Amino acid sequence: MKKTNYIWIVLLVVGTVLILLRHNRPQPFQRESGLIFGTIYNITYQHEGSLKAEIDEQLKLFDGSLSMFNDTSTISRINQNMDIVPDTFFLRVYRRAMEISEETGGAFDITVAPLVNAWGFGFKEGTFPDSLQVDSLLQLIGYQKVGLNAEGKVEKQDPRITLDCSAIAKGYAVDVIAQLLASKGIENYMVDIGGEVDVKGHNPNGELWRIGINRPTDDSLSVNQDLQTVLSLTDVGIATSGNYRNYYYRDGKKYAHTIEPRTGYPVQHSLLSATVIARDCMSADAYATSFMVMGLEEAQRFADTHPDIEVYLIYADEQGGYQTYMSKGMEEFIKD
């Protein structure tokens, strides 16, 4: 064999080996973070390079659809009674919100914004309302008072009705980014937007993703990170809603940010935190909010009749201690 041919064969073999080694080398995990919807996002995913630009672009489009703080967003223009055809993001969230409102008997309701604002927890500054004001605002509340016409436009029974999808939109934003990663062939990721999470595959250690549930200690500054328990899971969406961070005291009485749309008043019950696992984060987000409206007993009954979700509830006992309730399937996610 000629020396030249031998050299070419060696180079070909070496090149092939290098290609195979590179192909078999595990891809690194990327970590991205930023701000969106007035909260922080953290995304971990296994991919050769960063996708932050595409992630941010998708979130920007989402903000332009459902942000209450963006005067030009689709939902803001609908609230201003402009004649527009909603975009796909809005329509998907709207339709799922209506389904869950029906399922929960109105515990979940995207028309509750005027009450949330009036009690001082919304996107507008509110004043402590009296019973007459509450009764007046209740005339503008009710998911049955809005609908879509044949053109796909939102119709409201009263132009003063305001839509606010904050209790479901963040969860759907998580799903949107998860779908973006999946479209890139990414099989291992965690998407976390303000505590609403979607996970798939495994974490950088090759294990299931571990998600903590915070102990519901009064914490208006969000500095307490004590954990009640830790979940090990994959291929699900998870969301937590609670009354232990957004609240205030007036005349010695605590008022939490969860407003009961059927009565018009902040909830007054023992349930402190609701964590929901579902097939998608949008549903988990909405159900978690619904349970905080329902209270312990109604939430338990709902969970018992909906095997497609798993629930972990933390509530206060008569002595001021913490007690927990979990659906039967939740036990498999809790690891020591």
Protein backbone atom coordinates (compact mmCIF):
# COMPACT_ATOMS: atom_id res chain seq x y z
CA MET A 1 0.00 0.00 0.00
CA LYS A 2 1.32 3.40 -0.92
CA LYS A 3 2.19 5.71 1.97
CA THR A 4 -0.18 8.39 0.66
CA ASN A 5 -3.14 6.01 0.64
CA TYR A 6 -2.28 4.82 4.15
CA ILE A 7 -2.28 8.40 5.45
CA TRP A 8 -5.68 9.05 3.89
CA ILE A 9 -7.12 5.90 5.45
CA VAL A 10 -5.78 6.89 8.87
CA LEU A 11 -7.22 10.38 8.53
CA LEU A 12 -10.58 8.95 7.46
CA VAL A 13 -10.69 6.59 10.43
CA VAL A 14 -9.68 9.32 12.88
CA GLY A 15 -12.25 11.69 11.42
CA THR A 16 -14.98 9.07 11.67
CA VAL A 17 -14.07 8.35 15.30
CA LEU A 18 -14.15 12.03 16.17
CA ILE A 19 -17.56 12.42 14.53
CA LEU A 20 -18.91 9.42 16.44
CA LEU A 21 -17.47 10.70 19.72
CA ARG A 22 -19.01 14.10 19.16
CA HIS A 23 -22.33 12.53 18.22
CA ASN A 24 -22.38 10.36 21.34
CA ARG A 25 -21.24 13.12 23.68
CA PRO A 26 -24.13 14.24 25.90
CA GLN A 27 -25.33 17.72 25.03
CA PRO A 28 -24.82 20.34 27.75
CA PHE A 29 -27.66 21.81 29.79
CA GLN A 30 -28.43 25.46 29.12
CA ARG A 31 -29.83 27.78 31.79
CA GLU A 32 -31.75 30.93 30.93
CA SER A 33 -33.41 33.51 33.14
CA GLY A 34 -35.14 36.84 32.75
CA LEU A 35 -38.18 38.94 33.57
CA ILE A 36 -41.67 38.59 32.14
CA PHE A 37 -45.17 39.52 33.38
CA GLY A 38 -43.61 41.23 36.41
CA THR A 39 -41.99 37.99 37.56
CA ILE A 40 -38.86 35.90 36.97
CA TYR A 41 -38.47 32.99 34.59
CA ASN A 42 -35.88 30.23 34.91
CA ILE A 43 -35.48 27.66 32.17
CA THR A 44 -33.11 24.68 32.13
CA TYR A 45 -32.86 22.51 29.02
CA GLN A 46 -30.46 20.13 27.30
CA HIS A 47 -29.34 21.55 23.98
CA GLU A 48 -26.13 22.29 22.13
CA GLY A 49 -26.59 26.05 22.25
CA SER A 50 -28.64 28.83 23.79
CA LEU A 51 -32.21 29.45 22.65
CA LYS A 52 -32.70 32.54 24.80
CA ALA A 53 -33.40 34.83 21.83
CA GLU A 54 -36.21 32.57 20.61
CA ILE A 55 -37.57 32.13 24.13
CA ASP A 56 -37.66 35.88 24.72
CA GLU A 57 -39.30 36.49 21.35
CA GLN A 58 -42.04 33.99 22.15
CA LEU A 59 -42.61 35.55 25.56
CA LYS A 60 -42.76 39.00 23.97
CA LEU A 61 -45.52 37.80 21.65
CA PHE A 62 -47.32 36.30 24.62
CA ASP A 63 -47.03 39.57 26.55
CA GLY A 64 -48.58 41.34 23.57
CA SER A 65 -51.59 39.08 23.87
CA LEU A 66 -52.40 38.61 27.56
CA SER A 67 -50.52 41.16 29.68
CA MET A 68 -52.75 43.38 31.80
CA PHE A 69 -49.86 45.84 32.13
CA ASN A 70 -49.46 46.30 28.37
CA ASP A 71 -51.97 48.87 27.11
CA THR A 72 -51.65 47.57 23.55
CA SER A 73 -52.08 43.88 24.37
CA THR A 74 -55.04 41.97 22.98
CA ILE A 75 -56.72 41.63 26.36
CA SER A 76 -56.21 45.33 27.16
CA ARG A 77 -57.81 46.35 23.88
CA ILE A 78 -60.73 44.00 24.53
CA ASN A 79 -61.14 45.61 27.94
CA GLN A 80 -61.19 48.98 26.16
CA ASN A 81 -64.04 47.60 24.00
CA MET A 82 -62.07 47.85 20.77
CA ASP A 83 -63.43 45.88 17.83
CA ILE A 84 -60.69 43.28 17.33
CA VAL A 85 -60.38 39.60 16.49
CA PRO A 86 -58.36 37.98 19.31
CA ASP A 87 -55.10 36.19 18.55
CA THR A 88 -54.49 32.47 19.05
CA PHE A 89 -52.82 32.87 22.46
CA PHE A 90 -55.81 34.74 23.83
CA LEU A 91 -58.37 32.35 22.37
CA ARG A 92 -56.71 29.24 23.78
CA VAL A 93 -56.52 30.75 27.26
CA TYR A 94 -60.05 32.15 27.05
CA ARG A 95 -61.60 28.84 26.00
CA ARG A 96 -59.79 26.83 28.66
CA ALA A 97 -60.72 29.43 31.28
CA MET A 98 -64.38 29.09 30.37
CA GLU A 99 -64.19 25.29 30.61
CA ILE A 100 -62.67 25.45 34.07
CA SER A 101 -65.15 28.10 35.20
CA GLU A 102 -67.95 25.74 34.25
CA GLU A 103 -66.23 22.77 35.94
CA THR A 104 -65.66 24.66 39.19
CA GLY A 105 -69.09 26.24 39.40
CA GLY A 106 -67.70 29.74 39.01
CA ALA A 107 -64.89 29.45 41.57
CA PHE A 108 -62.60 30.28 38.67
CA ASP A 109 -63.69 33.41 36.82
CA ILE A 110 -61.68 35.70 34.55
CA THR A 111 -64.19 38.55 35.02
CA VAL A 112 -63.27 39.03 38.70
CA ALA A 113 -60.78 41.84 37.97
CA PRO A 114 -62.98 44.77 39.15
CA LEU A 115 -63.29 43.15 42.59
CA VAL A 116 -59.59 42.32 42.75
CA ASN A 117 -58.78 45.95 41.94
CA ALA A 118 -61.30 47.27 44.45
CA TRP A 119 -59.75 45.22 47.26
CA GLY A 120 -56.29 46.53 46.38
CA PHE A 121 -54.77 43.42 44.78
CA GLY A 122 -55.08 44.15 41.08
CA PHE A 123 -53.44 46.09 38.30
CA LYS A 124 -55.20 49.29 39.43
CA GLU A 125 -55.02 51.00 42.80
CA GLY A 126 -58.08 50.18 44.89
CA THR A 127 -59.79 51.43 48.00
CA PHE A 128 -61.33 49.27 50.70
CA PRO A 129 -64.91 48.78 49.38
CA ASP A 130 -68.05 48.76 51.49
CA SER A 131 -70.93 46.32 50.97
CA LEU A 132 -72.74 48.67 48.59
CA GLN A 133 -69.68 48.92 46.36
CA VAL A 134 -69.22 45.15 46.43
CA ASP A 135 -72.85 44.59 45.45
CA SER A 136 -72.48 47.09 42.64
CA LEU A 137 -69.31 45.45 41.31
CA LEU A 138 -70.89 42.01 41.45
CA GLN A 139 -73.15 43.14 38.61
CA LEU A 140 -70.03 43.11 36.41
CA ILE A 141 -68.80 39.69 37.54
CA GLY A 142 -69.67 36.34 35.96
CA TYR A 143 -68.03 34.27 33.26
CA GLN A 144 -71.49 33.68 31.74
CA LYS A 145 -71.66 37.39 30.90
CA VAL A 146 -69.02 37.13 28.15
CA GLY A 147 -68.82 35.00 25.04
CA LEU A 148 -67.43 34.70 21.52
CA ASN A 149 -69.57 35.62 18.52
CA ALA A 150 -69.51 33.93 15.13
CA GLU A 151 -66.52 36.05 14.10
CA GLY A 152 -64.52 34.94 17.13
CA LYS A 153 -64.76 38.34 18.81
CA VAL A 154 -65.46 38.78 22.52
CA GLU A 155 -68.92 40.03 23.38
CA LYS A 156 -69.71 41.41 26.84
CA GLN A 157 -73.16 41.92 28.34
CA ASP A 158 -71.87 45.15 29.88
CA PRO A 159 -68.98 47.19 28.38
CA ARG A 160 -67.61 47.75 31.91
CA ILE A 161 -66.82 44.04 32.31
CA THR A 162 -63.07 43.53 32.54
CA LEU A 163 -61.21 40.34 31.66
CA ASP A 164 -58.10 39.29 33.55
CA CYS A 165 -56.46 35.97 32.69
CA SER A 166 -53.57 36.33 35.13
CA ALA A 167 -54.59 33.19 37.06
CA ILE A 168 -54.25 31.00 33.99
CA ALA A 169 -52.10 32.87 31.45
CA LYS A 170 -48.81 32.40 33.28
CA GLY A 171 -49.36 28.65 33.27
CA TYR A 172 -50.08 28.73 29.55
CA ALA A 173 -46.91 30.78 28.95
CA VAL A 174 -45.02 27.89 30.58
CA ASP A 175 -46.73 25.47 28.17
CA VAL A 176 -45.87 27.69 25.20
CA ILE A 177 -42.16 27.69 26.04
CA ALA A 178 -42.25 23.94 26.75
CA GLN A 179 -43.79 23.43 23.29
CA LEU A 180 -41.05 25.58 21.76
CA LEU A 181 -38.36 23.41 23.37
CA ALA A 182 -40.11 20.20 22.35
CA SER A 183 -40.30 21.46 18.75
CA LYS A 184 -36.49 21.63 18.79
CA GLY A 185 -36.32 17.95 19.69
CA ILE A 186 -35.36 18.74 23.30
CA GLU A 187 -36.34 15.90 25.61
CA ASN A 188 -35.05 17.15 28.96
CA TYR A 189 -36.18 20.52 30.30
CA MET A 190 -37.74 22.50 33.12
CA VAL A 191 -39.66 25.71 32.44
CA ASP A 192 -40.43 27.86 35.48
CA ILE A 193 -42.26 31.18 35.16
CA GLY A 194 -43.00 32.74 38.53
CA GLY A 195 -43.32 29.35 40.21
CA GLU A 196 -45.54 27.72 37.58
CA VAL A 197 -43.58 24.81 36.13
CA ASP A 198 -43.50 22.26 33.32
CA VAL A 199 -40.95 19.44 33.36
CA LYS A 200 -39.96 16.72 30.93
CA GLY A 201 -37.31 14.01 30.92
CA HIS A 202 -34.61 14.30 33.55
CA ASN A 203 -32.46 16.96 35.21
CA PRO A 204 -28.69 17.46 34.68
CA ASN A 205 -27.99 14.72 37.24
CA GLY A 206 -30.00 12.21 35.23
CA GLU A 207 -32.77 12.15 37.85
CA LEU A 208 -36.38 13.22 37.92
CA TRP A 209 -36.90 16.93 38.38
CA ARG A 210 -37.30 17.99 42.01
CA ILE A 211 -39.80 20.77 42.74
CA GLY A 212 -40.27 22.16 46.23
CA ILE A 213 -43.55 23.25 47.80
CA ASN A 214 -43.02 26.19 50.14
CA ARG A 215 -44.23 26.18 53.72
CA PRO A 216 -47.08 28.75 53.78
CA THR A 217 -45.58 31.11 56.34
CA ASP A 218 -46.84 34.72 56.16
CA ASP A 219 -44.23 36.27 53.92
CA SER A 220 -45.25 39.46 52.13
CA LEU A 221 -41.62 40.13 51.12
CA SER A 222 -41.16 36.64 49.59
CA VAL A 223 -37.94 36.01 51.50
CA ASN A 224 -38.93 32.81 53.28
CA GLN A 225 -38.07 29.70 51.27
CA ASP A 226 -38.70 26.97 53.87
CA LEU A 227 -40.02 23.87 52.15
CA GLN A 228 -43.01 21.85 53.22
CA THR A 229 -42.09 18.96 50.94
CA VAL A 230 -40.30 18.14 47.69
CA LEU A 231 -41.84 16.46 44.64
CA SER A 232 -39.93 14.29 42.17
CA LEU A 233 -41.66 14.28 38.80
CA THR A 234 -41.50 14.50 35.03
CA ASP A 235 -43.74 15.02 32.00
CA VAL A 236 -46.31 17.14 33.91
CA GLY A 237 -47.29 20.71 34.65
CA ILE A 238 -47.39 21.93 38.25
CA ALA A 239 -48.68 25.12 39.85
CA THR A 240 -49.14 26.45 43.38
CA SER A 241 -51.46 29.16 44.62
CA GLY A 242 -51.47 30.54 48.14
CA ASN A 243 -52.58 33.36 50.41
CA TYR A 244 -49.41 33.69 52.46
CA ARG A 245 -47.55 36.30 50.39
CA ASN A 246 -50.09 38.74 48.97
CA TYR A 247 -52.23 40.09 51.81
CA TYR A 248 -52.72 43.00 54.19
CA TYR A 249 -54.22 43.67 57.62
CA ARG A 250 -57.00 46.16 58.31
CA ASP A 251 -58.53 46.73 61.72
CA GLY A 252 -56.78 43.61 62.96
CA LYS A 253 -58.21 41.38 60.23
CA LYS A 254 -56.21 39.71 57.49
CA TYR A 255 -57.35 40.18 53.88
CA ALA A 256 -55.78 37.84 51.31
CA HIS A 257 -55.59 38.42 47.57
CA THR A 258 -57.87 35.53 46.59
CA ILE A 259 -61.29 37.00 45.88
CA GLU A 260 -64.39 34.79 45.85
CA PRO A 261 -66.12 35.87 42.61
CA ARG A 262 -69.45 34.46 43.79
CA THR A 263 -69.58 36.67 46.92
CA GLY A 264 -67.28 39.57 46.07
CA TYR A 265 -65.15 39.28 49.22
CA PRO A 266 -61.65 37.98 49.98
CA VAL A 267 -61.81 34.35 51.05
CA GLN A 268 -61.88 33.57 54.76
CA HIS A 269 -61.06 29.90 55.29
CA SER A 270 -58.32 27.62 56.55
CA LEU A 271 -56.75 26.70 53.20
CA LEU A 272 -53.31 28.31 52.88
CA SER A 273 -51.79 26.72 49.79
CA ALA A 274 -52.92 24.54 46.88
CA THR A 275 -50.53 22.68 44.59
CA VAL A 276 -51.87 20.94 41.50
CA ILE A 277 -50.22 18.51 39.08
CA ALA A 278 -51.88 18.22 35.67
CA ARG A 279 -51.07 17.25 32.10
CA ASP A 280 -50.44 20.91 31.27
CA CYS A 281 -49.42 23.89 33.35
CA MET A 282 -52.30 26.08 32.16
CA SER A 283 -54.83 23.73 33.74
CA ALA A 284 -52.73 23.28 36.90
CA ASP A 285 -52.52 27.08 37.28
CA ALA A 286 -56.28 27.60 36.98
CA TYR A 287 -57.20 24.69 39.25
CA ALA A 288 -54.79 25.86 41.96
CA THR A 289 -56.48 29.27 41.97
CA SER A 290 -59.91 27.63 41.97
CA PHE A 291 -59.05 25.59 45.06
CA MET A 292 -57.92 28.69 46.94
CA VAL A 293 -61.37 30.15 46.23
CA MET A 294 -63.21 26.95 47.18
CA GLY A 295 -61.56 26.27 50.51
CA LEU A 296 -60.53 22.92 51.93
CA GLU A 297 -63.73 20.87 51.85
CA GLU A 298 -64.91 21.91 48.39
CA ALA A 299 -61.39 21.49 46.97
CA GLN A 300 -61.17 17.97 48.44
CA ARG A 301 -64.49 16.98 46.89
CA PHE A 302 -63.43 18.35 43.52
CA ALA A 303 -60.06 16.56 43.63
CA ASP A 304 -61.71 13.27 44.57
CA THR A 305 -63.88 13.37 41.44
CA HIS A 306 -61.11 14.43 39.03
CA PRO A 307 -58.53 11.64 38.73
CA ASP A 308 -56.74 13.49 35.92
CA ILE A 309 -55.17 15.89 38.46
CA GLU A 310 -53.25 15.41 41.69
CA VAL A 311 -53.56 17.82 44.61
CA TYR A 312 -51.52 18.79 47.67
CA LEU A 313 -53.29 21.16 50.08
CA ILE A 314 -51.85 22.85 53.15
CA TYR A 315 -54.31 24.26 55.67
CA ALA A 316 -54.32 25.70 59.18
CA ASP A 317 -55.75 23.72 62.07
CA GLU A 318 -57.55 25.23 65.06
CA GLN A 319 -54.28 25.55 66.97
CA GLY A 320 -52.63 27.51 64.15
CA GLY A 321 -50.46 24.60 63.01
CA TYR A 322 -50.12 23.23 59.48
CA GLN A 323 -51.99 20.18 58.23
CA THR A 324 -51.92 18.62 54.77
CA TYR A 325 -54.25 16.79 52.46
CA MET A 326 -53.10 15.01 49.33
CA SER A 327 -54.90 13.12 46.62
CA LYS A 328 -54.12 9.43 46.42
CA GLY A 329 -51.88 9.72 43.35
CA MET A 330 -49.84 12.55 44.84
CA GLU A 331 -48.03 10.14 47.16
CA GLU A 332 -45.94 8.70 44.33
CA PHE A 333 -44.39 12.12 43.67
CA ILE A 334 -43.23 12.73 47.25
CA LYS A 335 -39.74 11.38 47.90
CA ASP A 336 -37.70 11.56 51.09
